[in-house]
C-alpha atoms as a PDB file:
ATOM      1  CA  UNK A   1       0.000   0.000   0.000  1.00  0.00           C
ATOM      2  CA  UNK A   2       2.790   2.402   0.882  1.00  0.00           C
ATOM      3  CA  UNK A   3       4.428   1.738  -2.473  1.00  0.00           C
ATOM      4  CA  UNK A   4       1.214   2.939  -4.134  1.00  0.00           C
ATOM      5  CA  UNK A   5       0.309   5.818  -1.813  1.00  0.00           C
ATOM      6  CA  UNK A   6       3.546   7.797  -1.713  1.00  0.00           C
ATOM      7  CA  UNK A   7       4.144   8.043  -5.489  1.00  0.00           C
ATOM      8  CA  UNK A   8       0.523   8.994  -6.145  1.00  0.00           C
ATOM      9  CA  UNK A   9       0.428  11.757  -3.577  1.00  0.00           C
ATOM     10  CA  UNK A  10       3.937  12.861  -4.546  1.00  0.00           C
ATOM     11  CA  UNK A  11       2.697  13.282  -8.118  1.00  0.00           C
ATOM     12  CA  UNK A  12      -0.312  15.269  -6.872  1.00  0.00           C
ATOM     13  CA  UNK A  13       1.922  17.619  -4.871  1.00  0.00           C
ATOM     14  CA  UNK A  14       4.246  18.202  -7.820  1.00  0.00           C
ATOM     15  CA  UNK A  15       1.382  18.936 -10.226  1.00  0.00           C
ATOM     16  CA  UNK A  16      -0.374  21.273  -7.779  1.00  0.00           C
ATOM     17  CA  UNK A  17       2.815  23.217  -7.093  1.00  0.00           C
ATOM     18  CA  UNK A  18       3.837  23.439 -10.743  1.00  0.00           C
ATOM     19  CA  UNK A  19       0.579  24.369 -12.496  1.00  0.00           C
ATOM     20  CA  UNK A  20      -2.062  26.953 -11.594  1.00  0.00           C
ATOM     21  CA  UNK A  21      -5.508  26.138 -12.910  1.00  0.00           C
ATOM     22  CA  UNK A  22      -7.753  28.895 -14.214  1.00  0.00           C
ATOM     23  CA  UNK A  23     -10.771  26.661 -13.945  1.00  0.00           C
ATOM     24  CA  UNK A  24     -11.873  23.049 -14.027  1.00  0.00           C
ATOM     25  CA  UNK A  25     -14.617  22.818 -16.686  1.00  0.00           C
ATOM     26  CA  UNK A  26     -17.345  20.132 -16.776  1.00  0.00           C
ATOM     27  CA  UNK A  27     -15.462  18.266 -19.520  1.00  0.00           C
ATOM     28  CA  UNK A  28     -12.491  17.929 -17.163  1.00  0.00           C
ATOM     29  CA  UNK A  29     -14.755  16.477 -14.457  1.00  0.00           C
ATOM     30  CA  UNK A  30     -16.010  13.961 -16.996  1.00  0.00           C
ATOM     31  CA  UNK A  31     -12.453  13.020 -17.959  1.00  0.00           C
ATOM     32  CA  UNK A  32     -11.542  12.649 -14.292  1.00  0.00           C
ATOM     33  CA  UNK A  33     -14.544  10.458 -13.446  1.00  0.00           C
ATOM     34  CA  UNK A  34     -14.218   8.209 -16.506  1.00  0.00           C
ATOM     35  CA  UNK A  35     -10.445   7.827 -16.132  1.00  0.00           C
ATOM     36  CA  UNK A  36     -10.683   7.092 -12.413  1.00  0.00           C
ATOM     37  CA  UNK A  37     -13.450   4.534 -12.977  1.00  0.00           C
ATOM     38  CA  UNK A  38     -11.435   2.738 -15.658  1.00  0.00           C
ATOM     39  CA  UNK A  39      -8.338   2.779 -13.461  1.00  0.00           C
ATOM     40  CA  UNK A  40     -10.335   1.505 -10.463  1.00  0.00           C
ATOM     41  CA  UNK A  41     -11.840  -1.364 -12.445  1.00  0.00           C
ATOM     42  CA  UNK A  42      -8.430  -2.226 -13.872  1.00  0.00           C
ATOM     43  CA  UNK A  43      -6.860  -2.249 -10.388  1.00  0.00           C
ATOM     44  CA  UNK A  44      -9.647  -4.435  -8.965  1.00  0.00           C
ATOM     45  CA  UNK A  45      -9.184  -6.864 -11.848  1.00  0.00           C
ATOM     46  CA  UNK A  46      -5.397  -6.997 -11.631  1.00  0.00           C
ATOM     47  CA  UNK A  47      -5.260  -7.225  -7.836  1.00  0.00           C
ATOM     48  CA  UNK A  48      -8.231  -9.571  -7.384  1.00  0.00           C
ATOM     49  CA  UNK A  49      -6.171 -12.367  -5.811  1.00  0.00           C
ATOM     50  CA  UNK A  50      -4.209 -10.009  -3.591  1.00  0.00           C
ATOM     51  CA  UNK A  51      -7.390  -8.346  -2.335  1.00  0.00           C
ATOM     52  CA  UNK A  52      -8.962 -11.736  -1.615  1.00  0.00           C
ATOM     53  CA  UNK A  53      -5.993 -12.717   0.555  1.00  0.00           C
ATOM     54  CA  UNK A  54      -6.032  -9.520   2.652  1.00  0.00           C
ATOM     55  CA  UNK A  55      -7.621  -9.294   6.103  1.00  0.00           C
ATOM     56  CA  UNK A  56      -8.936  -5.739   5.675  1.00  0.00           C
ATOM     57  CA  UNK A  57     -10.705  -6.039   2.326  1.00  0.00           C
ATOM     58  CA  UNK A  58     -13.003  -3.085   3.054  1.00  0.00           C
ATOM     59  CA  UNK A  59     -10.047  -0.758   3.610  1.00  0.00           C
ATOM     60  CA  UNK A  60      -8.358  -1.866   0.403  1.00  0.00           C
ATOM     61  CA  UNK A  61     -11.581  -1.589  -1.587  1.00  0.00           C
ATOM     62  CA  UNK A  62     -12.011   1.935  -0.258  1.00  0.00           C
ATOM     63  CA  UNK A  63      -8.403   2.976  -0.903  1.00  0.00           C
ATOM     64  CA  UNK A  64      -8.188   1.837  -4.522  1.00  0.00           C
ATOM     65  CA  UNK A  65     -10.795   4.321  -5.847  1.00  0.00           C
ATOM     66  CA  UNK A  66      -9.249   7.157  -3.815  1.00  0.00           C
ATOM     67  CA  UNK A  67      -5.812   6.381  -5.224  1.00  0.00           C
ATOM     68  CA  UNK A  68      -7.267   6.038  -8.729  1.00  0.00           C
ATOM     69  CA  UNK A  69      -8.863   9.490  -8.525  1.00  0.00           C
ATOM     70  CA  UNK A  70      -5.661  11.041  -7.152  1.00  0.00           C
ATOM     71  CA  UNK A  71      -3.475   9.350  -9.756  1.00  0.00           C
ATOM     72  CA  UNK A  72      -5.769  10.211 -12.650  1.00  0.00           C
ATOM     73  CA  UNK A  73      -6.071  13.825 -11.478  1.00  0.00           C
ATOM     74  CA  UNK A  74      -2.271  14.196 -11.421  1.00  0.00           C
ATOM     75  CA  UNK A  75      -1.905  12.480 -14.800  1.00  0.00           C
ATOM     76  CA  UNK A  76      -4.709  14.566 -16.318  1.00  0.00           C
ATOM     77  CA  UNK A  77      -3.217  17.871 -15.177  1.00  0.00           C
ATOM     78  CA  UNK A  78       0.295  16.888 -16.191  1.00  0.00           C
ATOM     79  CA  UNK A  79      -0.791  15.867 -19.686  1.00  0.00           C
ATOM     80  CA  UNK A  80      -2.983  18.969 -20.015  1.00  0.00           C
ATOM     81  CA  UNK A  81      -0.343  21.495 -18.987  1.00  0.00           C
ATOM     82  CA  UNK A  82       2.994  19.929 -19.886  1.00  0.00           C
ATOM     83  CA  UNK A  83       1.971  19.103 -23.447  1.00  0.00           C
ATOM     84  CA  UNK A  84       0.031  22.305 -24.132  1.00  0.00           C
ATOM     85  CA  UNK A  85       1.849  23.854 -27.084  1.00  0.00           C
ATOM     86  CA  UNK A  86      -0.736  26.562 -27.731  1.00  0.00           C
ATOM     87  CA  UNK A  87      -0.182  30.300 -27.632  1.00  0.00           C
ATOM     88  CA  UNK A  88      -1.075  32.051 -24.413  1.00  0.00           C
ATOM     89  CA  UNK A  89      -3.357  35.027 -23.943  1.00  0.00           C
ATOM     90  CA  UNK A  90      -1.325  37.632 -22.090  1.00  0.00           C
ATOM     91  CA  UNK A  91      -2.403  40.128 -19.432  1.00  0.00           C
ATOM     92  CA  UNK A  92      -0.083  42.748 -18.031  1.00  0.00           C
ATOM     93  CA  UNK A  93      -0.923  43.281 -14.381  1.00  0.00           C
ATOM     94  CA  UNK A  94       0.539  45.352 -11.600  1.00  0.00           C
ATOM     95  CA  UNK A  95       1.794  43.933  -8.317  1.00  0.00           C
ATOM     96  CA  UNK A  96      -0.243  45.636  -5.600  1.00  0.00           C
ATOM     97  CA  UNK A  97       1.152  43.793  -2.602  1.00  0.00           C
ATOM     98  CA  UNK A  98       3.382  40.889  -1.609  1.00  0.00           C
ATOM     99  CA  UNK A  99       2.779  38.369   1.165  1.00  0.00           C
ATOM    100  CA  UNK A 100       4.562  35.372   2.670  1.00  0.00           C
ATOM    101  CA  UNK A 101       2.692  32.624   4.488  1.00  0.00           C
ATOM    102  CA  UNK A 102       4.845  30.410   6.710  1.00  0.00           C
ATOM    103  CA  UNK A 103       3.690  27.157   8.210  1.00  0.00           C
ATOM    104  CA  UNK A 104       5.519  24.568  10.238  1.00  0.00           C
ATOM    105  CA  UNK A 105       6.664  22.663   7.137  1.00  0.00           C
ATOM    106  CA  UNK A 106       6.382  25.052   4.197  1.00  0.00           C
ATOM    107  CA  UNK A 107       6.491  28.658   3.097  1.00  0.00           C
ATOM    108  CA  UNK A 108       4.249  30.070   0.367  1.00  0.00           C
ATOM    109  CA  UNK A 109       4.758  33.280  -1.564  1.00  0.00           C
ATOM    110  CA  UNK A 110       1.929  35.405  -2.951  1.00  0.00           C
ATOM    111  CA  UNK A 111       1.611  38.426  -5.185  1.00  0.00           C
ATOM    112  CA  UNK A 112      -1.577  40.449  -5.078  1.00  0.00           C
ATOM    113  CA  UNK A 113      -2.192  41.658  -8.619  1.00  0.00           C
ATOM    114  CA  UNK A 114      -4.674  43.908 -10.393  1.00  0.00           C
ATOM    115  CA  UNK A 115      -7.737  42.391 -12.120  1.00  0.00           C
ATOM    116  CA  UNK A 116      -7.295  40.137 -15.139  1.00  0.00           C
ATOM    117  CA  UNK A 117      -9.634  37.898 -17.175  1.00  0.00           C
ATOM    118  CA  UNK A 118     -12.404  36.499 -14.943  1.00  0.00           C
ATOM    119  CA  UNK A 119     -10.772  37.904 -11.788  1.00  0.00           C
ATOM    120  CA  UNK A 120     -12.496  41.282 -11.640  1.00  0.00           C
ATOM    121  CA  UNK A 121     -11.172  42.273  -8.220  1.00  0.00           C
ATOM    122  CA  UNK A 122      -7.665  42.205  -6.863  1.00  0.00           C
ATOM    123  CA  UNK A 123      -6.457  38.667  -6.357  1.00  0.00           C
ATOM    124  CA  UNK A 124      -3.515  36.758  -5.008  1.00  0.00           C
ATOM    125  CA  UNK A 125      -1.389  34.514  -7.146  1.00  0.00           C
ATOM    126  CA  UNK A 126       0.839  31.825  -5.659  1.00  0.00           C
ATOM    127  CA  UNK A 127       4.391  32.253  -6.988  1.00  0.00           C
ATOM    128  CA  UNK A 128       7.818  30.722  -6.535  1.00  0.00           C
ATOM    129  CA  UNK A 129      10.321  32.188  -4.123  1.00  0.00           C
ATOM    130  CA  UNK A 130      12.437  33.321  -7.095  1.00  0.00           C
ATOM    131  CA  UNK A 131       9.486  35.175  -8.675  1.00  0.00           C
ATOM    132  CA  UNK A 132       8.583  36.697  -5.308  1.00  0.00           C
ATOM    133  CA  UNK A 133      12.134  38.017  -4.862  1.00  0.00           C
ATOM    134  CA  UNK A 134      12.387  39.220  -8.487  1.00  0.00           C
ATOM    135  CA  UNK A 135       9.481  41.665  -8.319  1.00  0.00           C
ATOM    136  CA  UNK A 136       8.534  44.609  -6.146  1.00  0.00           C
ATOM    137  CA  UNK A 137       5.254  46.300  -5.352  1.00  0.00           C
ATOM    138  CA  UNK A 138       4.073  48.409  -8.335  1.00  0.00           C
ATOM    139  CA  UNK A 139       6.113  46.323 -10.807  1.00  0.00           C
ATOM    140  CA  UNK A 140       4.378  44.865 -13.834  1.00  0.00           C
ATOM    141  CA  UNK A 141       4.192  41.131 -14.390  1.00  0.00           C
ATOM    142  CA  UNK A 142       2.548  39.131 -17.145  1.00  0.00           C
ATOM    143  CA  UNK A 143      -0.068  36.470 -16.710  1.00  0.00           C
ATOM    144  CA  UNK A 144       0.002  33.890 -19.473  1.00  0.00           C
ATOM    145  CA  UNK A 145      -3.302  32.024 -19.851  1.00  0.00           C
ATOM    146  CA  UNK A 146      -3.210  28.762 -21.806  1.00  0.00           C
ATOM    147  CA  UNK A 147      -6.254  26.792 -23.011  1.00  0.00           C
ATOM    148  CA  UNK A 148      -4.728  23.443 -22.018  1.00  0.00           C
ATOM    149  CA  UNK A 149      -4.092  20.413 -24.216  1.00  0.00           C
ATOM    150  CA  UNK A 150      -7.145  18.642 -22.753  1.00  0.00           C
ATOM    151  CA  UNK A 151      -9.294  21.780 -22.406  1.00  0.00           C
ATOM    152  CA  UNK A 152      -8.395  22.639 -18.797  1.00  0.00           C
ATOM    153  CA  UNK A 153      -7.236  26.282 -18.780  1.00  0.00           C
ATOM    154  CA  UNK A 154      -4.153  27.108 -16.733  1.00  0.00           C
ATOM    155  CA  UNK A 155      -1.865  30.088 -16.257  1.00  0.00           C
ATOM    156  CA  UNK A 156       1.640  31.063 -15.335  1.00  0.00           C
ATOM    157  CA  UNK A 157       3.402  34.302 -14.434  1.00  0.00           C
ATOM    158  CA  UNK A 158       6.359  35.902 -16.130  1.00  0.00           C
ATOM    159  CA  UNK A 159       8.337  39.069 -15.539  1.00  0.00           C
ATOM    160  CA  UNK A 160       8.895  39.691 -19.264  1.00  0.00           C
ATOM    161  CA  UNK A 161       6.500  39.333 -22.187  1.00  0.00           C
END
């Protein structure tokens, strides 16, 4: 179980830290549900004998769909963003404020930027430490909005157009 759990949740963490989603349309939900169902059925079929020999069958039967959803979500976002070769729509925005959020195990960096696209009010964007240190309040940054290879829009920030 550990050999399945750690890689799946590691992949989720990497995808969530690397790509910022602009939205998750209904078609993406459909892709997620169908992919997770197929993966769940495949896992139940392949691991039938192993599941039958386990003492806690209920726990395993509950964990497989959860892991399938998590794995498929990470795979879906990776394929959508990493292989998106389309041109981005670009918005030039101004940095209104900067903020650091520190927890016991991690530090997050945020830029509050002026309105862009569907964000009609000021909003915060999660950025890398390098991006956070590279810009100052009142600087301009560029938001690059991509349609996504699988139709899931995502964006990134850049300091130059």
